[in-house]
């Protein structure tokens, strides 16, 4: 409304001094007042339409002359109270604006706050696509990838291998247009590496004449050095004892991985916290192996997965846990928590360490579902693509050391669980059956349990149930 009044006054030929209520300064006599007013009116109209910004009112060109319009700026500032103004801003970027994107460490899970940057899968100048892995982060439980958020070229790596990183940490800068990726740090390092070797031969050349000039003084000192060596046997004895130690050149020192640190900490905490006790039994594998041999082809044809021995032990463990619920329970402070569900953790040895993926609600699975879940989780664990959620929880663990040839062992409990079942290799041994000595495929099984919660009676009954079900799988059908 105020701008309309100003335009009307300017158009009517009123002086600019009256229009703004303040003095505009000295104006050249050659310029008429009406011309000045019309120019001011045009500037005000342009400002109202959103063209330009406040700084454009600092001066007004009139017939090749400059007029100081500081009072006008004051007048415009007074109009801000009545007119809502919008200042246009344009972001400036030397690389084209929005061309660079950051690759950051993703969320690692609720229980993991940081990880170690194990290695980079790409280097500066490499082309990457959307969601293509750039680096690998090693955590206490799994190894996860840092993926590229956009397609482009890696311009710079902002972290180093071995650094401890947290979720949100920037590890690389990616140029979507590929610009700026040529001047990277590695290209500067190469000349320095190439320049390093020449000084060494130069030094050798300088040092070569020295030994040629010094043979005479060395000859004079040789007799002096040989006498103490021959006259001092004690040092030779000391050197003989030192030679018994392996030379340092044959040793290698590598940093412990975060997964190995985590496993070591948890197992030691298990020994320090639990009252560990192990009980043993042996199982005749004849009937379970015969069942597998008779139906393996039909089972594979129908379910698309091979029938293994592991599913038989999982089903036997579920039956034993349901009959001995204390083994499926856990101590929490001064309370005992009983679980009405069975989540079986399967220990899987991988090149990077031991992991324990979990079969959720295993009591609801049949043989085929158990075999499929085990195969999927074991494959993902060996590939390093298993997630943290797939290893969280678990009420009972089964560890099959028999696949490596273990005859007997005492497994350690996986905290915070209360027991773990150890399977071992199958060995033909002479057994007495029906009064006759016959060879039988036998397996030793071991149950390590927390004696604070589980008594020997429950532990023995638990192993006995597994033995009965494995030796006669028909018990599962009849629930006897």
Protein backbone atom coordinates (compact mmCIF):
# COMPACT_ATOMS: atom_id res chain seq x y z
CA UNK A 1 0.00 0.00 0.00
CA UNK A 2 2.84 2.37 0.89
CA UNK A 3 4.58 1.64 -2.42
CA UNK A 4 1.43 2.59 -4.27
CA UNK A 5 1.39 5.95 -2.53
CA UNK A 6 5.03 6.51 -3.45
CA UNK A 7 4.34 5.67 -7.10
CA UNK A 8 1.43 8.08 -7.25
CA UNK A 9 3.48 10.87 -5.75
CA UNK A 10 6.36 10.17 -8.07
CA UNK A 11 4.09 10.13 -11.13
CA UNK A 12 2.43 13.40 -10.11
CA UNK A 13 5.80 15.12 -10.23
CA UNK A 14 6.25 15.53 -6.51
CA UNK A 15 9.79 15.97 -5.35
CA UNK A 16 11.74 12.96 -4.23
CA UNK A 17 12.41 14.72 -0.97
CA UNK A 18 8.67 14.78 -0.17
CA UNK A 19 8.13 11.27 -1.40
CA UNK A 20 10.65 9.77 1.05
CA UNK A 21 10.39 12.38 3.74
CA UNK A 22 14.16 12.88 3.80
CA UNK A 23 16.76 14.74 1.77
CA UNK A 24 18.21 12.91 -1.18
CA UNK A 25 21.37 15.01 -1.27
CA UNK A 26 22.60 17.38 -3.90
CA UNK A 27 21.48 16.68 -7.44
CA UNK A 28 23.11 18.10 -10.52
CA UNK A 29 21.19 21.14 -11.84
CA UNK A 30 21.19 19.62 -15.29
CA UNK A 31 18.84 16.93 -14.09
CA UNK A 32 15.23 17.86 -13.57
CA UNK A 33 13.24 16.88 -10.53
CA UNK A 34 10.59 15.09 -12.57
CA UNK A 35 13.24 12.95 -14.25
CA UNK A 36 14.68 12.06 -10.87
CA UNK A 37 11.26 11.15 -9.54
CA UNK A 38 10.43 8.99 -12.53
CA UNK A 39 13.74 7.13 -12.13
CA UNK A 40 13.08 6.60 -8.47
CA UNK A 41 9.57 5.42 -9.26
CA UNK A 42 10.98 2.89 -11.74
CA UNK A 43 13.45 1.58 -9.16
CA UNK A 44 10.71 1.16 -6.56
CA UNK A 45 8.48 -0.67 -9.05
CA UNK A 46 11.37 -3.00 -9.95
CA UNK A 47 12.02 -3.72 -6.28
CA UNK A 48 8.35 -4.46 -5.65
CA UNK A 49 8.37 -7.06 -8.44
CA UNK A 50 11.27 -8.89 -6.83
CA UNK A 51 14.06 -7.84 -9.19
CA UNK A 52 17.38 -7.18 -7.51
CA UNK A 53 18.05 -6.81 -3.81
CA UNK A 54 18.74 -4.13 -1.21
CA UNK A 55 22.36 -3.61 -2.25
CA UNK A 56 21.25 -2.41 -5.73
CA UNK A 57 19.90 0.80 -4.21
CA UNK A 58 23.32 2.04 -3.13
CA UNK A 59 23.60 4.23 -6.21
CA UNK A 60 21.40 5.43 -9.08
CA UNK A 61 22.86 6.34 -12.52
CA UNK A 62 21.25 9.45 -13.98
CA UNK A 63 22.56 10.89 -17.27
CA UNK A 64 26.09 9.61 -16.64
CA UNK A 65 26.19 10.97 -13.08
CA UNK A 66 26.26 9.17 -9.69
CA UNK A 67 23.83 10.27 -7.00
CA UNK A 68 24.30 9.20 -3.35
CA UNK A 69 21.14 7.41 -2.29
CA UNK A 70 22.01 6.52 1.30
CA UNK A 71 18.84 8.31 2.51
CA UNK A 72 16.89 6.17 0.04
CA UNK A 73 18.28 3.01 1.66
CA UNK A 74 17.05 4.34 4.98
CA UNK A 75 13.65 4.94 3.44
CA UNK A 76 13.54 1.40 2.08
CA UNK A 77 14.50 0.01 5.49
CA UNK A 78 11.53 1.85 6.96
CA UNK A 79 9.30 0.21 4.37
CA UNK A 80 10.38 -3.25 5.58
CA UNK A 81 8.05 -2.89 8.50
CA UNK A 82 5.08 -2.70 6.13
CA UNK A 83 6.14 -4.85 3.20
CA UNK A 84 7.22 -8.48 3.44
CA UNK A 85 10.39 -8.81 1.42
CA UNK A 86 12.07 -11.95 0.14
CA UNK A 87 15.84 -11.87 -0.47
CA UNK A 88 16.98 -14.17 -3.17
CA UNK A 89 20.11 -16.16 -2.53
CA UNK A 90 21.99 -18.45 -4.87
CA UNK A 91 24.35 -21.09 -3.44
CA UNK A 92 27.83 -20.97 -4.83
CA UNK A 93 30.00 -24.02 -5.33
CA UNK A 94 33.32 -24.09 -7.08
CA UNK A 95 32.62 -27.64 -8.27
CA UNK A 96 29.31 -26.93 -9.95
CA UNK A 97 27.06 -26.92 -6.87
CA UNK A 98 25.92 -30.24 -5.46
CA UNK A 99 28.41 -32.24 -7.49
CA UNK A 100 30.25 -33.70 -4.49
CA UNK A 101 28.64 -36.24 -2.18
CA UNK A 102 30.02 -37.93 0.92
CA UNK A 103 30.15 -41.65 1.59
CA UNK A 104 29.60 -42.16 5.32
CA UNK A 105 29.62 -45.12 7.70
CA UNK A 106 26.08 -46.54 8.03
CA UNK A 107 24.25 -47.45 11.22
CA UNK A 108 25.90 -50.53 12.75
CA UNK A 109 23.22 -51.71 15.17
CA UNK A 110 21.94 -50.72 18.57
CA UNK A 111 24.68 -52.51 20.51
CA UNK A 112 27.60 -51.34 18.33
CA UNK A 113 28.90 -47.77 18.58
CA UNK A 114 32.04 -47.92 16.44
CA UNK A 115 34.12 -50.12 14.18
CA UNK A 116 37.48 -50.40 12.46
CA UNK A 117 38.01 -49.41 8.84
CA UNK A 118 39.38 -52.75 7.66
CA UNK A 119 40.15 -51.92 4.04
CA UNK A 120 39.13 -49.83 1.05
CA UNK A 121 37.66 -51.67 -1.91
CA UNK A 122 38.11 -48.66 -4.20
CA UNK A 123 40.82 -46.05 -4.67
CA UNK A 124 40.72 -42.40 -5.81
CA UNK A 125 39.87 -42.14 -9.48
CA UNK A 126 37.81 -45.36 -9.57
CA UNK A 127 34.33 -45.29 -11.00
CA UNK A 128 31.54 -46.43 -8.65
CA UNK A 129 27.85 -47.07 -9.10
CA UNK A 130 24.99 -46.47 -6.69
CA UNK A 131 25.18 -48.76 -3.62
CA UNK A 132 28.50 -50.22 -4.77
CA UNK A 133 30.76 -51.09 -1.78
CA UNK A 134 33.62 -48.65 -1.24
CA UNK A 135 35.07 -49.86 2.06
CA UNK A 136 34.59 -52.56 4.69
CA UNK A 137 33.99 -51.81 8.37
CA UNK A 138 34.88 -54.50 10.88
CA UNK A 139 32.78 -54.51 14.06
CA UNK A 140 32.70 -56.70 17.13
CA UNK A 141 30.24 -59.07 15.45
CA UNK A 142 30.15 -58.69 11.68
CA UNK A 143 31.89 -57.03 8.76
CA UNK A 144 29.75 -54.48 6.94
CA UNK A 145 30.16 -52.42 3.77
CA UNK A 146 30.16 -48.66 3.20
CA UNK A 147 28.23 -48.17 -0.05
CA UNK A 148 28.36 -45.30 -2.50
CA UNK A 149 25.30 -43.01 -2.20
CA UNK A 150 25.60 -41.86 -5.83
CA UNK A 151 27.20 -42.96 -9.07
CA UNK A 152 30.40 -41.11 -9.89
CA UNK A 153 34.14 -41.10 -9.41
CA UNK A 154 35.92 -41.25 -6.07
CA UNK A 155 37.67 -37.93 -5.67
CA UNK A 156 39.29 -38.41 -2.28
CA UNK A 157 39.52 -40.84 0.64
CA UNK A 158 39.06 -39.01 3.93
CA UNK A 159 39.96 -41.87 6.29
CA UNK A 160 42.73 -44.43 6.59
CA UNK A 161 42.68 -48.19 6.97
CA UNK A 162 42.84 -49.10 10.65
CA UNK A 163 41.00 -45.97 11.83
CA UNK A 164 38.22 -46.31 14.38
CA UNK A 165 35.05 -44.91 12.82
CA UNK A 166 31.53 -44.25 14.09
CA UNK A 167 28.19 -44.15 12.27
CA UNK A 168 28.12 -40.99 10.15
CA UNK A 169 31.90 -40.74 9.76
CA UNK A 170 32.87 -39.58 6.26
CA UNK A 171 35.26 -42.00 4.54
CA UNK A 172 35.23 -40.80 0.94
CA UNK A 173 34.17 -37.92 -1.31
CA UNK A 174 32.51 -38.81 -4.61
CA UNK A 175 32.22 -36.51 -7.62
CA UNK A 176 29.07 -37.24 -9.59
CA UNK A 177 30.49 -35.58 -12.70
CA UNK A 178 33.93 -37.13 -12.27
CA UNK A 179 35.64 -33.73 -12.04
CA UNK A 180 38.51 -33.23 -9.62
CA UNK A 181 39.32 -36.92 -9.43
CA UNK A 182 42.59 -36.60 -11.26
CA UNK A 183 44.49 -34.57 -8.66
CA UNK A 184 44.48 -37.08 -5.84
CA UNK A 185 46.97 -37.69 -3.07
CA UNK A 186 48.19 -41.10 -4.26
CA UNK A 187 49.54 -39.55 -7.48
CA UNK A 188 51.73 -37.25 -5.36
CA UNK A 189 53.07 -40.14 -3.35
CA UNK A 190 54.37 -42.09 -6.35
CA UNK A 191 57.09 -39.63 -7.35
CA UNK A 192 58.32 -39.53 -3.77
CA UNK A 193 58.55 -43.31 -3.76
CA UNK A 194 60.43 -43.25 -7.06
CA UNK A 195 62.72 -40.50 -5.84
CA UNK A 196 63.60 -42.43 -2.71
CA UNK A 197 65.69 -45.20 -4.35
CA UNK A 198 68.20 -42.91 -6.19
CA UNK A 199 69.74 -41.45 -2.98
CA UNK A 200 70.63 -44.91 -1.71
CA UNK A 201 72.87 -45.79 -4.67
CA UNK A 202 74.35 -42.31 -4.51
CA UNK A 203 75.18 -42.89 -0.88
CA UNK A 204 76.66 -46.25 -1.76
CA UNK A 205 78.85 -44.63 -4.38
CA UNK A 206 80.06 -42.11 -1.84
CA UNK A 207 80.69 -44.83 0.71
CA UNK A 208 82.50 -47.07 -1.79
CA UNK A 209 85.74 -45.05 -1.80
CA UNK A 210 85.83 -44.94 1.98
CA UNK A 211 86.36 -48.66 2.51
CA UNK A 212 89.04 -48.55 -0.21
CA UNK A 213 90.88 -45.80 1.71
CA UNK A 214 90.55 -47.46 5.13
CA UNK A 215 92.06 -50.95 4.68
CA UNK A 216 95.32 -49.91 6.37
CA UNK A 217 93.81 -48.70 9.69
CA UNK A 218 91.57 -51.78 9.76
CA UNK A 219 94.57 -54.05 9.40
CA UNK A 220 96.19 -52.36 12.37
CA UNK A 221 93.12 -52.83 14.58
CA UNK A 222 92.36 -56.43 13.58
CA UNK A 223 94.92 -58.04 15.88
CA UNK A 224 93.60 -55.99 18.77
CA UNK A 225 90.01 -57.14 18.11
CA UNK A 226 90.85 -60.81 17.63
CA UNK A 227 92.65 -61.20 20.95
CA UNK A 228 89.72 -60.24 23.18
CA UNK A 229 87.41 -62.48 21.12
CA UNK A 230 89.61 -65.50 21.57
CA UNK A 231 90.36 -64.79 25.22
CA UNK A 232 86.72 -64.33 26.36
CA UNK A 233 84.70 -67.60 26.34
CA UNK A 234 81.85 -66.27 28.54
CA UNK A 235 80.40 -64.12 25.75
CA UNK A 236 80.34 -67.16 23.46
CA UNK A 237 78.24 -69.05 26.04
CA UNK A 238 75.83 -66.15 26.31
CA UNK A 239 75.52 -66.00 22.53
CA UNK A 240 74.89 -69.74 22.47
CA UNK A 241 71.96 -69.34 24.84
CA UNK A 242 70.59 -66.47 22.78
CA UNK A 243 70.74 -68.53 19.59
CA UNK A 244 68.28 -70.98 21.13
CA UNK A 245 65.53 -68.35 20.82
CA UNK A 246 63.76 -68.06 17.46
CA UNK A 247 65.03 -65.11 15.42
CA UNK A 248 62.76 -62.07 15.25
CA UNK A 249 62.84 -62.19 11.46
CA UNK A 250 60.72 -65.34 11.56
CA UNK A 251 57.96 -63.75 13.62
CA UNK A 252 54.99 -61.75 12.40
CA UNK A 253 52.99 -59.30 14.46
CA UNK A 254 49.49 -58.44 13.23
CA UNK A 255 46.74 -56.52 15.05
CA UNK A 256 43.91 -58.58 16.50
CA UNK A 257 40.63 -58.16 14.65
CA UNK A 258 37.68 -56.64 16.46
CA UNK A 259 35.73 -59.88 16.06
CA UNK A 260 38.53 -61.88 17.66
CA UNK A 261 38.77 -59.34 20.51
CA UNK A 262 35.04 -59.63 21.08
CA UNK A 263 35.10 -63.44 21.10
CA UNK A 264 38.05 -63.45 23.51
CA UNK A 265 36.33 -61.01 25.87
CA UNK A 266 33.01 -62.85 25.88
CA UNK A 267 34.55 -66.29 26.43
CA UNK A 268 36.73 -65.02 29.26
CA UNK A 269 33.73 -63.31 30.84
CA UNK A 270 31.91 -66.63 30.56
CA UNK A 271 34.65 -68.39 32.51
CA UNK A 272 34.78 -65.65 35.13
CA UNK A 273 30.99 -65.39 35.58
CA UNK A 274 29.49 -68.86 35.15
CA UNK A 275 30.03 -71.95 37.25
CA UNK A 276 30.96 -74.07 34.23
CA UNK A 277 30.47 -77.82 34.40
CA UNK A 278 30.40 -80.37 31.56
CA UNK A 279 28.66 -83.71 31.37
CA UNK A 280 29.09 -86.29 28.59
CA UNK A 281 27.22 -89.08 26.86
CA UNK A 282 27.55 -91.10 23.67
CA UNK A 283 25.06 -91.59 20.89
CA UNK A 284 24.61 -94.48 18.47
CA UNK A 285 24.10 -92.78 15.11
CA UNK A 286 22.95 -95.93 13.27
CA UNK A 287 19.23 -95.13 12.98
CA UNK A 288 19.62 -91.42 12.18
CA UNK A 289 22.19 -92.17 9.49
CA UNK A 290 19.92 -94.88 8.05
CA UNK A 291 16.99 -92.44 8.00
CA UNK A 292 19.15 -89.95 6.15
CA UNK A 293 20.37 -92.55 3.67
CA UNK A 294 16.86 -93.85 2.90
CA UNK A 295 15.17 -90.49 2.30
CA UNK A 296 17.94 -88.11 1.19
CA UNK A 297 16.99 -88.27 -2.50
CA UNK A 298 13.26 -87.89 -1.88
CA UNK A 299 13.91 -85.12 0.63
CA UNK A 300 16.11 -83.22 -1.83
CA UNK A 301 13.61 -83.62 -4.64
CA UNK A 302 10.71 -82.28 -2.59
CA UNK A 303 12.34 -79.55 -0.48
CA UNK A 304 15.31 -78.56 -2.64
CA UNK A 305 17.80 -78.99 0.20
CA UNK A 306 19.90 -81.92 1.39
CA UNK A 307 18.97 -83.76 4.57
CA UNK A 308 21.81 -83.51 7.06
CA UNK A 309 22.45 -84.72 10.58
CA UNK A 310 22.31 -81.21 12.05
CA UNK A 311 18.54 -80.95 11.71
CA UNK A 312 18.14 -84.17 13.70
CA UNK A 313 20.16 -82.73 16.59
CA UNK A 314 18.30 -79.42 16.44
CA UNK A 315 14.96 -81.20 16.70
CA UNK A 316 16.33 -83.38 19.52
CA UNK A 317 17.60 -80.29 21.37
CA UNK A 318 14.20 -78.60 21.03
CA UNK A 319 12.50 -81.66 22.53
CA UNK A 320 15.02 -81.75 25.38
CA UNK A 321 14.64 -78.03 26.10
CA UNK A 322 10.88 -78.35 26.26
CA UNK A 323 11.16 -81.24 28.73
CA UNK A 324 13.89 -79.46 30.77
CA UNK A 325 12.87 -75.76 30.62
CA UNK A 326 15.51 -74.77 33.18
CA UNK A 327 18.18 -75.35 30.52
CA UNK A 328 16.40 -72.79 28.33
CA UNK A 329 16.26 -70.26 31.17
CA UNK A 330 18.76 -67.60 32.22
CA UNK A 331 19.77 -65.81 35.42
CA UNK A 332 19.02 -62.07 35.51
CA UNK A 333 20.19 -60.54 38.77
CA UNK A 334 18.23 -62.26 41.52
CA UNK A 335 15.62 -63.62 39.11
CA UNK A 336 15.33 -66.53 36.70
CA UNK A 337 13.83 -65.80 33.28
CA UNK A 338 12.07 -68.78 31.68
CA UNK A 339 11.61 -68.59 27.90
CA UNK A 340 8.57 -70.23 26.30
CA UNK A 341 10.25 -70.09 22.91
CA UNK A 342 13.37 -71.77 21.54
CA UNK A 343 15.94 -69.78 19.57
CA UNK A 344 18.79 -72.09 18.63
CA UNK A 345 22.20 -70.52 18.00
CA UNK A 346 24.36 -72.49 15.56
CA UNK A 347 28.10 -71.93 15.99
CA UNK A 348 29.75 -71.38 12.60
CA UNK A 349 33.49 -71.11 12.15
CA UNK A 350 34.50 -68.56 9.51
CA UNK A 351 37.91 -67.36 8.29
CA UNK A 352 37.42 -64.19 10.33
CA UNK A 353 36.26 -65.90 13.53
CA UNK A 354 33.40 -67.68 15.25
CA UNK A 355 29.86 -66.40 14.70
CA UNK A 356 26.55 -67.74 16.01
CA UNK A 357 23.54 -67.08 13.74
CA UNK A 358 20.18 -67.80 15.34
CA UNK A 359 17.26 -69.97 14.23
CA UNK A 360 14.25 -67.94 15.42
CA UNK A 361 11.32 -69.90 16.87
CA UNK A 362 12.98 -73.18 15.99
CA UNK A 363 10.22 -75.10 17.79
CA UNK A 364 7.89 -74.21 14.91
CA UNK A 365 10.24 -75.51 12.19
CA UNK A 366 10.22 -78.91 10.53
CA UNK A 367 13.31 -80.73 9.24
CA UNK A 368 13.26 -78.99 5.86
CA UNK A 369 12.92 -75.50 7.35
CA UNK A 370 15.77 -76.17 9.76
CA UNK A 371 18.06 -77.38 6.98
CA UNK A 372 17.23 -74.40 4.76
CA UNK A 373 17.81 -71.89 7.56
CA UNK A 374 21.12 -73.46 8.57
CA UNK A 375 22.42 -73.53 4.99
CA UNK A 376 21.41 -69.91 4.36
CA UNK A 377 22.90 -68.56 7.59
CA UNK A 378 26.11 -70.58 7.26
CA UNK A 379 26.64 -69.37 3.69
CA UNK A 380 26.07 -65.74 4.64
CA UNK A 381 28.36 -66.09 7.65
CA UNK A 382 31.22 -67.39 5.48
CA UNK A 383 30.60 -64.69 2.87
CA UNK A 384 30.64 -62.00 5.55
CA UNK A 385 27.17 -60.74 4.61
CA UNK A 386 25.33 -61.85 7.74
CA UNK A 387 23.69 -59.03 9.70
CA UNK A 388 23.91 -58.27 13.39
CA UNK A 389 20.18 -58.89 13.88
CA UNK A 390 20.61 -62.45 12.60
CA UNK A 391 23.07 -63.17 15.42
CA UNK A 392 21.34 -61.32 18.26
CA UNK A 393 19.68 -63.27 21.03
CA UNK A 394 19.51 -67.05 21.17
CA UNK A 395 18.51 -69.24 24.13
CA UNK A 396 20.69 -72.31 23.48
CA UNK A 397 23.76 -73.02 21.33
CA UNK A 398 24.84 -76.08 19.36
CA UNK A 399 28.48 -76.36 18.32
CA UNK A 400 29.49 -79.11 15.89
CA UNK A 401 33.22 -79.65 16.29
CA UNK A 402 32.89 -83.00 14.59
CA UNK A 403 33.07 -81.40 11.15
CA UNK A 404 36.73 -80.59 11.98
CA UNK A 405 37.44 -84.05 13.39
CA UNK A 406 37.09 -83.28 17.10
CA UNK A 407 36.61 -86.46 19.14
CA UNK A 408 35.81 -84.84 22.50
CA UNK A 409 35.74 -81.32 23.92
CA UNK A 410 34.26 -79.14 26.66
CA UNK A 411 32.55 -76.19 24.93
CA UNK A 412 32.24 -72.82 26.67
CA UNK A 413 28.83 -71.21 27.19
CA UNK A 414 27.85 -68.38 24.88
CA UNK A 415 26.75 -65.55 27.26
CA UNK A 416 24.11 -64.81 28.38
CA UNK A 417 22.83 -68.32 27.67
CA UNK A 418 23.00 -71.04 30.30
CA UNK A 419 24.12 -74.10 28.32
CA UNK A 420 25.75 -75.29 25.10
CA UNK A 421 25.69 -78.66 23.34
CA UNK A 422 28.89 -79.94 21.74
CA UNK A 423 28.75 -82.46 18.88
CA UNK A 424 31.80 -84.44 17.81
CA UNK A 425 33.03 -86.74 15.08
CA UNK A 426 31.39 -90.06 14.27
CA UNK A 427 33.73 -93.00 14.83
CA UNK A 428 33.04 -96.71 14.37
CA UNK A 429 33.68 -98.39 17.69
CA UNK A 430 32.98 -101.91 18.99
CA UNK A 431 29.76 -101.87 20.99
CA UNK A 432 27.82 -104.60 22.76
CA UNK A 433 24.38 -104.96 21.16
CA UNK A 434 22.14 -107.85 22.18
CA UNK A 435 25.05 -109.63 23.81
CA UNK A 436 27.17 -109.39 20.69
CA UNK A 437 30.09 -107.10 19.92
CA UNK A 438 29.34 -105.22 16.74
CA UNK A 439 30.79 -102.07 15.13
CA UNK A 440 28.61 -99.00 15.56
CA UNK A 441 28.97 -95.36 14.39
CA UNK A 442 29.26 -93.60 17.74
CA UNK A 443 29.44 -89.91 18.65
CA UNK A 444 30.38 -88.31 21.95
CA UNK A 445 28.14 -85.41 22.96
CA UNK A 446 28.90 -82.88 25.71
CA UNK A 447 26.72 -80.42 27.59
CA UNK A 448 28.41 -77.52 29.33
CA UNK A 449 25.98 -75.74 31.68
CA UNK A 450 25.86 -73.04 34.32
CA UNK A 451 25.84 -74.96 37.59
CA UNK A 452 24.47 -71.91 39.42
CA UNK A 453 21.16 -72.48 37.64
CA UNK A 454 21.18 -76.07 36.35
CA UNK A 455 21.79 -79.05 38.60
CA UNK A 456 23.51 -82.22 37.44
CA UNK A 457 20.21 -84.08 37.42
CA UNK A 458 18.62 -81.76 34.82
CA UNK A 459 21.82 -81.75 32.76
CA UNK A 460 21.98 -85.56 32.63
CA UNK A 461 18.27 -85.84 31.80
CA UNK A 462 18.76 -83.28 29.02
CA UNK A 463 21.57 -85.25 27.39
CA UNK A 464 19.68 -88.46 27.88
CA UNK A 465 16.70 -87.05 25.97
CA UNK A 466 18.94 -86.05 23.05
CA UNK A 467 20.46 -89.52 23.02
CA UNK A 468 17.03 -91.19 22.97
CA UNK A 469 15.66 -89.01 20.14
CA UNK A 470 18.75 -89.30 17.94
CA UNK A 471 18.96 -93.07 18.39
CA UNK A 472 15.23 -93.44 17.67
CA UNK A 473 13.84 -90.48 15.64
CA UNK A 474 10.36 -92.02 15.77
CA UNK A 475 10.04 -90.58 19.28
CA UNK A 476 9.60 -87.15 17.69
CA UNK A 477 6.50 -88.32 15.83
CA UNK A 478 4.95 -89.91 18.91
CA UNK A 479 6.26 -87.32 21.42
CA UNK A 480 7.45 -90.03 23.78
